[in-house]
Structure formats: C-alpha cells, structure tokens
Amino acid sequence: MTTPEFPLFPTQASTYAAREDALFFFLLAVSAFFAALIFFLVIFFAVRYRRRSPTERASVIREPLALELAWTIIPLGINIIAFVWGAQLFFFASRPPTASIEIAVVGKQWMWKFQHPEGRSEINELHVPEGRPIKLTMTSQDAIHSFFVPAFRVKKDVVPGRYTVTWFEATRIGDYHLFCSQYCGALHAHMIGRVTVMNPVAYEQWLGGVTTRVSSMAEAGRLLFRQRGCPSCHRPDGKGLGPSLVGLFGQPVYLQDGRSVIADEGYIRESVLLPQAKIVAGYAPIMPSFKGQISEEELLQIIAYIKSLKQEQRTKGER
C-alpha cells in the first residue's frame, strides 16, 4: 500500500505558475529574513543593554548617517523590486495572446458551463490542448463565483452582469482540480470540476468525437440573430435602422453624447440587454431590450457571431 503524497504546493502546470511561485518565494524569503533579524535584535538588545542597577544611566547615542541611510534605502530597494516584479506578472496575466483559443464560461449555482468555439459544451469539465493559450470569457448567471485552478495559479472572479477574462497555457498533460473559491450559496462546496489537459492531436480528436452535428458558437449565434429579427435593422450595408455589425468588434463606436467606446464583449452585452444605455451617433433609440428573453449562453453565442463578422470582412479584404 502506497502512502499518499501531500505536497506543500500544487503542481506547476502552466506558463504562469513558475513565474508566480518565484515571486511568492522571494517575498516569503524576504519576510522570513527580516522577521528573524528583528526577533534576534529584540532579544539581543534586551539582554545586552538591559538596566543592571537602579542608578545606571544610559549615555546618549547618535546613530551613524550610514546606518540611517542603509535601513532606509535597502527596504526601499526591496519594495521597488517586488513592485516591478509584481507589475510585470500582472501585465503578463491580464493580456491574453492574440492566438488564444477562446472558450466561453458561465458560472451558476452550482456548476461551471463551458462552450468551445466549435460548439461543443461541457459541465464541470474543461478539455484543453497542451501548449496552446486558452482565453476564458466568463460571466455569472446568479451570484459572484471565482474560477480557480491551483495548478495553473489562475484565479478570477466571475461576476453577474459583466464579463471577466483570464487565460492560461497548460504545460503538462493530466487532470487538474477546478474550484469556485468565492462563497456562492449553500452548495458552494459542490461547485468543483476538472480541467483535462490533452495532447493537441488527442484534443482535436476529442473535439470531433461528437456523434451528432454540433453547431459552432458563431453559427449558433447567427441562427439566434436571425430568429430575433436582428438582420432587418442591422443590415451589412449600413442602410438599416441600426448600425452595421460587420467589422464592429474591437473598433471604436461614436455615441450621440459625443463619447466613444470600444465594441468589446461588455459593450455588445449591454447593447442587447440595455440598448438605450449607449445610443450610437446617427441612429434613433428604437432597439427593444432583450433582457430576460435571452440567456447568458445565447449572449455569448451572439458575441461569437459578431466577432466572426469581423473575421469574414478581413477574409474578403484579403481576397
């Protein structure tokens, strides 16, 4: 019978994990060193300079300037190093590579729902290829959740009413724990799952292993777009009652009040649910609200469709 292992830290299974651990151990070592130094000096001074008799009087001690500068400049330098190091990690973690595989995530009490761009869906399981950056666009259907994979050192809040984004690139094949690390209700402890990292070839086989035809997210979004009657106003030639959506994603949108916003996932979501919040310049505020009529999964599919319109336009331009 083998004895189970209890490692002090989870496996490093992503490109980010080793970077974060290095900073963590640096801060831990600095904290331990100064804690030990301070405890030693407190005990040493208490013994060495204790008062030995009631008549003893301490002499005036003037600290050397070099000592004053040392205990000011050295901690300042260490803090600057930690700040710059942490800032680099923050920017690395907050900027998904452009070639990432985009997967939609919806958290709800008490499960994780994933949808791959090819259309395949999963609940409490996420299959990803090794060595490919994965971008997760996440939202919640009810309470605040938090997407946490210890082996990847990835943790991001999943908030209702908005999209949050995180990414990772897995470096080791295997199965890894997925948790909700934000208390979200009575069955919070049951909101667990698994991330399976696969060989890229095996991953492609897994994606194509569905016996029934599965529409891609963009295709599902296109069908929803038509079912809701959106093409009657949002014509590709821009001559409809609403603005054209071809090439919209990622571009600035000019509003009636003189402001401009970037057409990202959050903007599209708000425009579908609260169309009067930001009126596009040159168009009347006539679009109805779809709040309560469309699910979070359907919203993500519509966003995927609008993103594909940008890709289609780029492809036509290249031709």
C-alpha atoms as a PDB file:
ATOM      1  CA  MET A   1       0.000   0.000   0.000  1.00  0.00           C
ATOM      2  CA  THR A   2       1.454   3.361  -1.064  1.00  0.00           C
ATOM      3  CA  THR A   3       1.391   6.352   1.208  1.00  0.00           C
ATOM      4  CA  PRO A   4      -0.498   9.321  -0.291  1.00  0.00           C
ATOM      5  CA  GLU A   5       1.598  12.382  -1.010  1.00  0.00           C
ATOM      6  CA  PHE A   6       0.664  15.812   0.325  1.00  0.00           C
ATOM      7  CA  PRO A   7       2.804  18.375  -1.496  1.00  0.00           C
ATOM      8  CA  LEU A   8       3.213  21.789   0.080  1.00  0.00           C
ATOM      9  CA  PHE A   9       2.327  23.454  -3.218  1.00  0.00           C
ATOM     10  CA  PRO A  10       0.246  22.349  -6.212  1.00  0.00           C
ATOM     11  CA  THR A  11       1.921  21.137  -9.388  1.00  0.00           C
ATOM     12  CA  GLN A  12       3.230  23.836 -11.693  1.00  0.00           C
ATOM     13  CA  ALA A  13       1.217  23.092 -14.826  1.00  0.00           C
ATOM     14  CA  SER A  14       1.089  26.406 -16.716  1.00  0.00           C
ATOM     15  CA  THR A  15       3.442  29.035 -18.092  1.00  0.00           C
ATOM     16  CA  TYR A  16       2.306  31.413 -15.352  1.00  0.00           C
ATOM     17  CA  ALA A  17       2.723  29.065 -12.385  1.00  0.00           C
ATOM     18  CA  ALA A  18       6.531  29.124 -12.151  1.00  0.00           C
ATOM     19  CA  ARG A  19       6.603  32.919 -12.530  1.00  0.00           C
ATOM     20  CA  GLU A  20       4.119  33.446  -9.707  1.00  0.00           C
ATOM     21  CA  ASP A  21       5.837  30.914  -7.437  1.00  0.00           C
ATOM     22  CA  ALA A  22       9.197  32.640  -7.942  1.00  0.00           C
ATOM     23  CA  LEU A  23       7.751  35.957  -6.727  1.00  0.00           C
ATOM     24  CA  PHE A  24       5.944  34.214  -3.864  1.00  0.00           C
ATOM     25  CA  PHE A  25       9.124  32.509  -2.628  1.00  0.00           C
ATOM     26  CA  PHE A  26      11.077  35.760  -2.986  1.00  0.00           C
ATOM     27  CA  LEU A  27       8.563  37.612  -0.794  1.00  0.00           C
ATOM     28  CA  LEU A  28       8.470  34.678   1.636  1.00  0.00           C
ATOM     29  CA  ALA A  29      12.277  34.650   1.925  1.00  0.00           C
ATOM     30  CA  VAL A  30      12.469  38.426   2.442  1.00  0.00           C
ATOM     31  CA  SER A  31       9.721  38.305   5.078  1.00  0.00           C
ATOM     32  CA  ALA A  32      11.367  35.378   6.887  1.00  0.00           C
ATOM     33  CA  PHE A  33      14.785  37.064   6.845  1.00  0.00           C
ATOM     34  CA  PHE A  34      13.564  40.345   8.303  1.00  0.00           C
ATOM     35  CA  ALA A  35      11.293  38.612  10.817  1.00  0.00           C
ATOM     36  CA  ALA A  36      14.239  36.533  12.056  1.00  0.00           C
ATOM     37  CA  LEU A  37      16.512  39.612  12.099  1.00  0.00           C
ATOM     38  CA  ILE A  38      14.039  41.679  14.095  1.00  0.00           C
ATOM     39  CA  PHE A  39      13.383  38.892  16.629  1.00  0.00           C
ATOM     40  CA  PHE A  40      17.131  38.360  17.043  1.00  0.00           C
ATOM     41  CA  LEU A  41      17.826  42.054  17.544  1.00  0.00           C
ATOM     42  CA  VAL A  42      14.957  42.470  20.014  1.00  0.00           C
ATOM     43  CA  ILE A  43      16.268  39.595  22.156  1.00  0.00           C
ATOM     44  CA  PHE A  44      19.910  40.646  21.753  1.00  0.00           C
ATOM     45  CA  PHE A  45      19.285  44.272  22.711  1.00  0.00           C
ATOM     46  CA  ALA A  46      17.036  43.263  25.611  1.00  0.00           C
ATOM     47  CA  VAL A  47      19.861  41.174  27.071  1.00  0.00           C
ATOM     48  CA  ARG A  48      22.881  43.248  26.049  1.00  0.00           C
ATOM     49  CA  TYR A  49      21.536  46.647  27.027  1.00  0.00           C
ATOM     50  CA  ARG A  50      19.339  45.757  29.976  1.00  0.00           C
ATOM     51  CA  ARG A  51      19.405  48.036  33.005  1.00  0.00           C
ATOM     52  CA  ARG A  52      21.734  46.458  35.570  1.00  0.00           C
ATOM     53  CA  SER A  53      21.186  48.778  38.568  1.00  0.00           C
ATOM     54  CA  PRO A  54      18.733  51.483  39.643  1.00  0.00           C
ATOM     55  CA  THR A  55      21.448  54.134  39.442  1.00  0.00           C
ATOM     56  CA  GLU A  56      22.570  53.246  35.939  1.00  0.00           C
ATOM     57  CA  ARG A  57      22.019  55.980  33.377  1.00  0.00           C
ATOM     58  CA  ALA A  58      22.176  55.407  29.636  1.00  0.00           C
ATOM     59  CA  SER A  59      24.507  57.563  27.572  1.00  0.00           C
ATOM     60  CA  VAL A  60      23.320  59.478  24.544  1.00  0.00           C
ATOM     61  CA  ILE A  61      23.906  57.526  21.347  1.00  0.00           C
ATOM     62  CA  ARG A  62      23.938  59.252  17.988  1.00  0.00           C
ATOM     63  CA  GLU A  63      23.203  56.929  15.063  1.00  0.00           C
ATOM     64  CA  PRO A  64      25.721  56.978  12.194  1.00  0.00           C
ATOM     65  CA  LEU A  65      24.361  58.539   8.994  1.00  0.00           C
ATOM     66  CA  ALA A  66      25.449  55.471   7.025  1.00  0.00           C
ATOM     67  CA  LEU A  67      23.284  53.242   9.227  1.00  0.00           C
ATOM     68  CA  GLU A  68      20.275  55.542   8.838  1.00  0.00           C
ATOM     69  CA  LEU A  69      20.666  55.521   5.061  1.00  0.00           C
ATOM     70  CA  ALA A  70      21.141  51.734   4.954  1.00  0.00           C
ATOM     71  CA  TRP A  71      17.941  50.837   6.791  1.00  0.00           C
ATOM     72  CA  THR A  72      16.023  53.291   4.614  1.00  0.00           C
ATOM     73  CA  ILE A  73      17.471  52.554   1.173  1.00  0.00           C
ATOM     74  CA  ILE A  74      17.696  48.738   1.442  1.00  0.00           C
ATOM     75  CA  PRO A  75      13.985  48.177   2.319  1.00  0.00           C
ATOM     76  CA  LEU A  76      13.006  50.752  -0.323  1.00  0.00           C
ATOM     77  CA  GLY A  77      15.030  48.881  -2.935  1.00  0.00           C
ATOM     78  CA  ILE A  78      13.491  45.543  -1.971  1.00  0.00           C
ATOM     79  CA  ASN A  79       9.978  47.023  -2.219  1.00  0.00           C
ATOM     80  CA  ILE A  80      10.726  48.514  -5.635  1.00  0.00           C
ATOM     81  CA  ILE A  81      11.977  45.127  -6.853  1.00  0.00           C
ATOM     82  CA  ALA A  82       8.804  43.426  -5.581  1.00  0.00           C
ATOM     83  CA  PHE A  83       6.601  46.114  -7.148  1.00  0.00           C
ATOM     84  CA  VAL A  84       8.230  45.938 -10.592  1.00  0.00           C
ATOM     85  CA  TRP A  85       8.248  42.138 -10.496  1.00  0.00           C
ATOM     86  CA  GLY A  86       4.575  42.019  -9.477  1.00  0.00           C
ATOM     87  CA  ALA A  87       3.604  44.592 -12.119  1.00  0.00           C
ATOM     88  CA  GLN A  88       5.263  42.505 -14.832  1.00  0.00           C
ATOM     89  CA  LEU A  89       3.345  39.436 -13.663  1.00  0.00           C
ATOM     90  CA  PHE A  90       0.088  41.418 -13.596  1.00  0.00           C
ATOM     91  CA  PHE A  91       0.505  42.625 -17.173  1.00  0.00           C
ATOM     92  CA  PHE A  92       1.504  39.130 -18.314  1.00  0.00           C
ATOM     93  CA  ALA A  93      -1.603  37.603 -16.673  1.00  0.00           C
ATOM     94  CA  SER A  94      -4.022  40.273 -17.898  1.00  0.00           C
ATOM     95  CA  ARG A  95      -3.115  40.208 -21.593  1.00  0.00           C
ATOM     96  CA  PRO A  96      -4.179  37.012 -23.380  1.00  0.00           C
ATOM     97  CA  PRO A  97      -2.152  36.224 -26.508  1.00  0.00           C
ATOM     98  CA  THR A  98      -3.893  37.060 -29.768  1.00  0.00           C
ATOM     99  CA  ALA A  99      -3.703  33.425 -30.932  1.00  0.00           C
ATOM    100  CA  SER A 100      -5.632  32.117 -27.890  1.00  0.00           C
ATOM    101  CA  ILE A 101      -8.437  29.579 -28.119  1.00  0.00           C
ATOM    102  CA  GLU A 102     -11.495  31.439 -26.805  1.00  0.00           C
ATOM    103  CA  ILE A 103     -13.805  29.464 -24.534  1.00  0.00           C
ATOM    104  CA  ALA A 104     -16.999  30.860 -23.008  1.00  0.00           C
ATOM    105  CA  VAL A 105     -17.657  30.189 -19.329  1.00  0.00           C
ATOM    106  CA  VAL A 106     -20.897  30.630 -17.386  1.00  0.00           C
ATOM    107  CA  GLY A 107     -20.928  30.075 -13.640  1.00  0.00           C
ATOM    108  CA  LYS A 108     -24.215  29.281 -11.930  1.00  0.00           C
ATOM    109  CA  GLN A 109     -25.344  27.725  -8.681  1.00  0.00           C
ATOM    110  CA  TRP A 110     -23.679  25.308  -8.567  1.00  0.00           C
ATOM    111  CA  MET A 111     -21.834  24.326 -11.730  1.00  0.00           C
ATOM    112  CA  TRP A 112     -19.434  25.515 -14.402  1.00  0.00           C
ATOM    113  CA  LYS A 113     -20.657  25.548 -18.015  1.00  0.00           C
ATOM    114  CA  PHE A 114     -18.104  25.729 -20.829  1.00  0.00           C
ATOM    115  CA  GLN A 115     -18.624  26.161 -24.554  1.00  0.00           C
ATOM    116  CA  HIS A 116     -15.853  25.720 -27.100  1.00  0.00           C
ATOM    117  CA  PRO A 117     -15.809  27.870 -30.253  1.00  0.00           C
ATOM    118  CA  GLU A 118     -16.514  24.735 -32.314  1.00  0.00           C
ATOM    119  CA  GLY A 119     -19.785  24.389 -30.378  1.00  0.00           C
ATOM    120  CA  ARG A 120     -19.048  21.519 -28.009  1.00  0.00           C
ATOM    121  CA  SER A 121     -20.291  22.155 -24.450  1.00  0.00           C
ATOM    122  CA  GLU A 122     -19.170  20.782 -21.087  1.00  0.00           C
ATOM    123  CA  ILE A 123     -20.364  20.954 -17.498  1.00  0.00           C
ATOM    124  CA  ASN A 124     -17.809  20.908 -14.657  1.00  0.00           C
ATOM    125  CA  GLU A 125     -15.189  19.585 -17.095  1.00  0.00           C
ATOM    126  CA  LEU A 126     -12.934  21.532 -19.406  1.00  0.00           C
ATOM    127  CA  HIS A 127     -10.740  19.880 -22.024  1.00  0.00           C
ATOM    128  CA  VAL A 128      -7.855  21.945 -23.396  1.00  0.00           C
ATOM    129  CA  PRO A 129      -4.766  21.194 -25.504  1.00  0.00           C
ATOM    130  CA  GLU A 130      -1.265  21.304 -24.098  1.00  0.00           C
ATOM    131  CA  GLY A 131       0.904  24.207 -25.229  1.00  0.00           C
ATOM    132  CA  ARG A 132      -1.919  26.430 -26.545  1.00  0.00           C
ATOM    133  CA  PRO A 133      -3.027  29.633 -24.786  1.00  0.00           C
ATOM    134  CA  ILE A 134      -6.649  29.450 -23.634  1.00  0.00           C
ATOM    135  CA  LYS A 135      -8.686  32.629 -23.176  1.00  0.00           C
ATOM    136  CA  LEU A 136     -11.750  32.353 -20.922  1.00  0.00           C
ATOM    137  CA  THR A 137     -14.549  34.905 -21.251  1.00  0.00           C
ATOM    138  CA  MET A 138     -16.600  34.431 -18.098  1.00  0.00           C
ATOM    139  CA  THR A 139     -19.844  35.635 -16.578  1.00  0.00           C
ATOM    140  CA  SER A 140     -22.234  34.502 -13.857  1.00  0.00           C
ATOM    141  CA  GLN A 141     -25.904  33.709 -14.106  1.00  0.00           C
ATOM    142  CA  ASP A 142     -26.633  34.437 -10.427  1.00  0.00           C
ATOM    143  CA  ALA A 143     -24.131  35.050  -7.606  1.00  0.00           C
ATOM    144  CA  ILE A 144     -20.463  36.013  -7.634  1.00  0.00           C
ATOM    145  CA  HIS A 145     -18.260  32.992  -8.293  1.00  0.00           C
ATOM    146  CA  SER A 146     -14.488  32.674  -8.663  1.00  0.00           C
ATOM    147  CA  PHE A 147     -12.718  30.476 -11.213  1.00  0.00           C
ATOM    148  CA  PHE A 148      -9.700  28.877  -9.502  1.00  0.00           C
ATOM    149  CA  VAL A 149      -7.280  26.270 -10.876  1.00  0.00           C
ATOM    150  CA  PRO A 150      -4.440  25.921  -8.313  1.00  0.00           C
ATOM    151  CA  ALA A 151      -2.088  24.033 -10.663  1.00  0.00           C
ATOM    152  CA  PHE A 152      -2.281  26.899 -13.173  1.00  0.00           C
ATOM    153  CA  ARG A 153      -2.172  29.629 -10.473  1.00  0.00           C
ATOM    154  CA  VAL A 154      -5.272  31.073 -12.144  1.00  0.00           C
ATOM    155  CA  LYS A 155      -7.956  32.751 -10.044  1.00  0.00           C
ATOM    156  CA  LYS A 156     -10.522  35.218 -11.371  1.00  0.00           C
ATOM    157  CA  ASP A 157     -13.872  36.433 -10.059  1.00  0.00           C
ATOM    158  CA  VAL A 158     -16.911  35.644 -12.213  1.00  0.00           C
ATOM    159  CA  VAL A 159     -19.433  38.444 -11.765  1.00  0.00           C
ATOM    160  CA  PRO A 160     -23.104  38.661 -12.832  1.00  0.00           C
ATOM    161  CA  GLY A 161     -23.868  41.389 -15.330  1.00  0.00           C
ATOM    162  CA  ARG A 162     -20.360  41.710 -16.761  1.00  0.00           C
ATOM    163  CA  TYR A 163     -17.575  39.762 -18.440  1.00  0.00           C
ATOM    164  CA  THR A 164     -14.227  38.999 -16.869  1.00  0.00           C
ATOM    165  CA  VAL A 165     -11.333  37.497 -18.798  1.00  0.00           C
ATOM    166  CA  THR A 166      -8.465  35.269 -17.775  1.00  0.00           C
ATOM    167  CA  TRP A 167      -6.100  32.982 -19.658  1.00  0.00           C
ATOM    168  CA  PHE A 168      -3.603  30.205 -19.194  1.00  0.00           C
ATOM    169  CA  GLU A 169      -1.327  27.967 -21.212  1.00  0.00           C
ATOM    170  CA  ALA A 170      -1.094  24.443 -19.826  1.00  0.00           C
ATOM    171  CA  THR A 171       2.339  22.824 -19.935  1.00  0.00           C
ATOM    172  CA  ARG A 172       1.659  19.347 -18.515  1.00  0.00           C
ATOM    173  CA  ILE A 173      -0.816  16.704 -19.663  1.00  0.00           C
ATOM    174  CA  GLY A 174      -3.148  15.498 -16.913  1.00  0.00           C
ATOM    175  CA  ASP A 175      -6.236  16.285 -14.848  1.00  0.00           C
ATOM    176  CA  TYR A 176      -6.313  19.309 -12.536  1.00  0.00           C
ATOM    177  CA  HIS A 177      -8.771  20.474  -9.889  1.00  0.00           C
ATOM    178  CA  LEU A 178     -11.137  23.357 -10.621  1.00  0.00           C
ATOM    179  CA  PHE A 179     -12.794  25.172  -7.711  1.00  0.00           C
ATOM    180  CA  CYS A 180     -15.137  28.050  -7.033  1.00  0.00           C
ATOM    181  CA  SER A 181     -13.165  29.980  -4.417  1.00  0.00           C
ATOM    182  CA  GLN A 182     -15.891  32.543  -3.663  1.00  0.00           C
ATOM    183  CA  TYR A 183     -18.695  31.513  -1.301  1.00  0.00           C
ATOM    184  CA  CYS A 184     -21.766  31.443  -3.531  1.00  0.00           C
ATOM    185  CA  GLY A 185     -24.510  29.717  -1.551  1.00  0.00           C
ATOM    186  CA  ALA A 186     -25.481  26.600   0.347  1.00  0.00           C
ATOM    187  CA  LEU A 187     -23.848  24.137  -2.078  1.00  0.00           C
ATOM    188  CA  HIS A 188     -20.717  26.188  -2.717  1.00  0.00           C
ATOM    189  CA  ALA A 189     -18.501  23.242  -1.703  1.00  0.00           C
ATOM    190  CA  HIS A 190     -20.047  21.152  -4.505  1.00  0.00           C
ATOM    191  CA  MET A 191     -19.093  23.649  -7.227  1.00  0.00           C
ATOM    192  CA  ILE A 192     -15.976  21.792  -8.269  1.00  0.00           C
ATOM    193  CA  GLY A 193     -14.749  20.484 -11.580  1.00  0.00           C
ATOM    194  CA  ARG A 194     -11.792  19.274 -13.557  1.00  0.00           C
ATOM    195  CA  VAL A 195      -9.540  20.663 -16.276  1.00  0.00           C
ATOM    196  CA  THR A 196      -8.143  17.960 -18.548  1.00  0.00           C
ATOM    197  CA  VAL A 197      -5.009  18.882 -20.472  1.00  0.00           C
ATOM    198  CA  MET A 198      -4.588  16.759 -23.590  1.00  0.00           C
ATOM    199  CA  ASN A 199      -2.076  16.224 -26.342  1.00  0.00           C
ATOM    200  CA  PRO A 200      -3.058  18.613 -29.206  1.00  0.00           C
ATOM    201  CA  VAL A 201      -3.783  15.697 -31.557  1.00  0.00           C
ATOM    202  CA  ALA A 202      -5.915  13.945 -28.943  1.00  0.00           C
ATOM    203  CA  TYR A 203      -7.711  17.227 -28.279  1.00  0.00           C
ATOM    204  CA  GLU A 204      -8.639  17.633 -31.952  1.00  0.00           C
ATOM    205  CA  GLN A 205      -9.932  14.055 -31.965  1.00  0.00           C
ATOM    206  CA  TRP A 206     -11.947  14.777 -28.829  1.00  0.00           C
ATOM    207  CA  LEU A 207     -13.467  17.886 -30.419  1.00  0.00           C
ATOM    208  CA  GLY A 208     -14.514  15.903 -33.473  1.00  0.00           C
ATOM    209  CA  GLY A 209     -15.745  12.924 -31.485  1.00  0.00           C
ATOM    210  CA  VAL A 210     -19.348  14.114 -31.163  1.00  0.00           C
ATOM    211  CA  THR A 211     -21.727  11.677 -32.870  1.00  0.00           C
ATOM    212  CA  THR A 212     -24.334  14.329 -33.671  1.00  0.00           C
ATOM    213  CA  ARG A 213     -23.546  17.528 -35.552  1.00  0.00           C
ATOM    214  CA  VAL A 214     -22.811  20.444 -33.224  1.00  0.00           C
ATOM    215  CA  SER A 215     -23.040  24.000 -34.497  1.00  0.00           C
ATOM    216  CA  SER A 216     -20.142  26.287 -33.729  1.00  0.00           C
ATOM    217  CA  MET A 217     -20.765  29.178 -31.341  1.00  0.00           C
ATOM    218  CA  ALA A 218     -20.682  31.627 -34.245  1.00  0.00           C
ATOM    219  CA  GLU A 219     -23.176  29.531 -36.235  1.00  0.00           C
ATOM    220  CA  ALA A 220     -25.490  29.227 -33.206  1.00  0.00           C
ATOM    221  CA  GLY A 221     -25.228  32.990 -32.744  1.00  0.00           C
ATOM    222  CA  ARG A 222     -26.091  33.581 -36.394  1.00  0.00           C
ATOM    223  CA  LEU A 223     -29.252  31.495 -36.041  1.00  0.00           C
ATOM    224  CA  LEU A 224     -30.248  33.378 -32.879  1.00  0.00           C
ATOM    225  CA  PHE A 225     -29.539  36.658 -34.646  1.00  0.00           C
ATOM    226  CA  ARG A 226     -31.952  35.725 -37.415  1.00  0.00           C
ATOM    227  CA  GLN A 227     -34.584  34.245 -35.105  1.00  0.00           C
ATOM    228  CA  ARG A 228     -34.744  37.509 -33.149  1.00  0.00           C
ATOM    229  CA  GLY A 229     -35.202  39.528 -36.339  1.00  0.00           C
ATOM    230  CA  CYS A 230     -31.951  41.462 -35.929  1.00  0.00           C
ATOM    231  CA  PRO A 231     -30.922  41.491 -39.650  1.00  0.00           C
ATOM    232  CA  SER A 232     -33.923  43.670 -40.526  1.00  0.00           C
ATOM    233  CA  CYS A 233     -32.301  46.613 -38.713  1.00  0.00           C
ATOM    234  CA  HIS A 234     -28.616  45.699 -38.654  1.00  0.00           C
ATOM    235  CA  ARG A 235     -28.024  45.356 -42.382  1.00  0.00           C
ATOM    236  CA  PRO A 236     -24.485  44.607 -43.627  1.00  0.00           C
ATOM    237  CA  ASP A 237     -24.577  47.621 -45.978  1.00  0.00           C
ATOM    238  CA  GLY A 238     -25.302  50.023 -43.097  1.00  0.00           C
ATOM    239  CA  LYS A 239     -28.615  51.190 -44.588  1.00  0.00           C
ATOM    240  CA  GLY A 240     -30.833  49.723 -41.886  1.00  0.00           C
ATOM    241  CA  LEU A 241     -32.435  51.381 -38.874  1.00  0.00           C
ATOM    242  CA  GLY A 242     -29.460  50.218 -36.782  1.00  0.00           C
ATOM    243  CA  PRO A 243     -25.711  50.321 -37.441  1.00  0.00           C
ATOM    244  CA  SER A 244     -23.993  47.570 -39.412  1.00  0.00           C
ATOM    245  CA  LEU A 245     -22.222  44.983 -37.262  1.00  0.00           C
ATOM    246  CA  VAL A 246     -19.725  43.877 -39.905  1.00  0.00           C
ATOM    247  CA  GLY A 247     -16.231  44.648 -38.616  1.00  0.00           C
ATOM    248  CA  LEU A 248     -17.679  46.169 -35.445  1.00  0.00           C
ATOM    249  CA  PHE A 249     -15.912  44.103 -32.781  1.00  0.00           C
ATOM    250  CA  GLY A 250     -12.846  45.758 -31.324  1.00  0.00           C
ATOM    251  CA  GLN A 251     -13.499  49.074 -33.098  1.00  0.00           C
ATOM    252  CA  PRO A 252     -14.452  52.462 -31.583  1.00  0.00           C
ATOM    253  CA  VAL A 253     -18.152  53.329 -31.576  1.00  0.00           C
ATOM    254  CA  TYR A 254     -19.159  57.000 -31.518  1.00  0.00           C
ATOM    255  CA  LEU A 255     -22.184  57.861 -29.393  1.00  0.00           C
ATOM    256  CA  GLN A 256     -24.802  60.619 -29.528  1.00  0.00           C
ATOM    257  CA  ASP A 257     -23.406  62.286 -26.410  1.00  0.00           C
ATOM    258  CA  GLY A 258     -20.008  62.758 -28.061  1.00  0.00           C
ATOM    259  CA  ARG A 259     -18.229  59.916 -26.286  1.00  0.00           C
ATOM    260  CA  SER A 260     -16.659  56.893 -27.933  1.00  0.00           C
ATOM    261  CA  VAL A 261     -16.395  53.354 -26.623  1.00  0.00           C
ATOM    262  CA  ILE A 262     -14.702  50.187 -27.841  1.00  0.00           C
ATOM    263  CA  ALA A 263     -17.060  47.494 -29.090  1.00  0.00           C
ATOM    264  CA  ASP A 264     -15.894  44.659 -26.833  1.00  0.00           C
ATOM    265  CA  GLU A 265     -17.838  41.815 -25.234  1.00  0.00           C
ATOM    266  CA  GLY A 266     -19.189  44.041 -22.462  1.00  0.00           C
ATOM    267  CA  TYR A 267     -20.433  46.692 -24.899  1.00  0.00           C
ATOM    268  CA  ILE A 268     -22.265  44.135 -27.045  1.00  0.00           C
ATOM    269  CA  ARG A 269     -23.838  42.542 -23.977  1.00  0.00           C
ATOM    270  CA  GLU A 270     -25.072  45.902 -22.714  1.00  0.00           C
ATOM    271  CA  SER A 271     -26.378  46.861 -26.152  1.00  0.00           C
ATOM    272  CA  VAL A 272     -28.501  43.697 -26.289  1.00  0.00           C
ATOM    273  CA  LEU A 273     -29.875  43.921 -22.751  1.00  0.00           C
ATOM    274  CA  LEU A 274     -29.925  47.726 -22.249  1.00  0.00           C
ATOM    275  CA  PRO A 275     -29.914  49.230 -25.739  1.00  0.00           C
ATOM    276  CA  GLN A 276     -30.810  52.730 -24.505  1.00  0.00           C
ATOM    277  CA  ALA A 277     -27.695  52.976 -22.331  1.00  0.00           C
ATOM    278  CA  LYS A 278     -25.373  53.957 -25.196  1.00  0.00           C
ATOM    279  CA  ILE A 279     -27.046  55.307 -28.356  1.00  0.00           C
ATOM    280  CA  VAL A 280     -24.882  55.212 -31.478  1.00  0.00           C
ATOM    281  CA  ALA A 281     -24.482  58.570 -33.199  1.00  0.00           C
ATOM    282  CA  GLY A 282     -26.769  58.963 -36.194  1.00  0.00           C
ATOM    283  CA  TYR A 283     -29.343  56.373 -35.113  1.00  0.00           C
ATOM    284  CA  ALA A 284     -32.647  56.640 -33.257  1.00  0.00           C
ATOM    285  CA  PRO A 285     -33.097  54.846 -29.890  1.00  0.00           C
ATOM    286  CA  ILE A 286     -35.621  52.327 -31.205  1.00  0.00           C
ATOM    287  CA  MET A 287     -33.996  48.985 -30.375  1.00  0.00           C
ATOM    288  CA  PRO A 288     -36.056  46.921 -27.860  1.00  0.00           C
ATOM    289  CA  SER A 289     -34.446  45.349 -24.818  1.00  0.00           C
ATOM    290  CA  PHE A 290     -33.882  41.585 -24.770  1.00  0.00           C
ATOM    291  CA  LYS A 291     -33.338  41.475 -21.022  1.00  0.00           C
ATOM    292  CA  GLY A 292     -34.984  38.375 -19.571  1.00  0.00           C
ATOM    293  CA  GLN A 293     -35.532  36.945 -23.065  1.00  0.00           C
ATOM    294  CA  ILE A 294     -32.047  35.642 -23.739  1.00  0.00           C
ATOM    295  CA  SER A 295     -29.717  33.505 -21.637  1.00  0.00           C
ATOM    296  CA  GLU A 296     -26.053  34.106 -20.858  1.00  0.00           C
ATOM    297  CA  GLU A 297     -25.075  31.218 -23.146  1.00  0.00           C
ATOM    298  CA  GLU A 298     -27.061  32.757 -26.015  1.00  0.00           C
ATOM    299  CA  LEU A 299     -25.452  36.147 -25.397  1.00  0.00           C
ATOM    300  CA  LEU A 300     -22.012  34.592 -25.711  1.00  0.00           C
ATOM    301  CA  GLN A 301     -23.072  32.890 -28.945  1.00  0.00           C
ATOM    302  CA  ILE A 302     -24.276  36.193 -30.413  1.00  0.00           C
ATOM    303  CA  ILE A 303     -20.980  37.808 -29.422  1.00  0.00           C
ATOM    304  CA  ALA A 304     -19.110  34.963 -31.139  1.00  0.00           C
ATOM    305  CA  TYR A 305     -21.183  35.600 -34.287  1.00  0.00           C
ATOM    306  CA  ILE A 306     -20.408  39.330 -34.273  1.00  0.00           C
ATOM    307  CA  LYS A 307     -16.715  38.509 -33.839  1.00  0.00           C
ATOM    308  CA  SER A 308     -16.930  36.208 -36.862  1.00  0.00           C
ATOM    309  CA  LEU A 309     -18.311  39.084 -38.941  1.00  0.00           C
ATOM    310  CA  LYS A 310     -15.026  40.882 -38.356  1.00  0.00           C
ATOM    311  CA  GLN A 311     -13.129  37.800 -39.447  1.00  0.00           C
ATOM    312  CA  GLU A 312     -15.309  37.400 -42.542  1.00  0.00           C
ATOM    313  CA  GLN A 313     -14.691  41.006 -43.508  1.00  0.00           C
ATOM    314  CA  ARG A 314     -10.924  40.541 -43.101  1.00  0.00           C
ATOM    315  CA  THR A 315     -11.025  37.400 -45.244  1.00  0.00           C
ATOM    316  CA  LYS A 316     -12.928  39.192 -48.015  1.00  0.00           C
ATOM    317  CA  GLY A 317     -10.466  42.080 -47.885  1.00  0.00           C
ATOM    318  CA  GLU A 318      -7.548  39.687 -48.315  1.00  0.00           C
ATOM    319  CA  ARG A 319      -9.184  38.249 -51.392  1.00  0.00           C
END
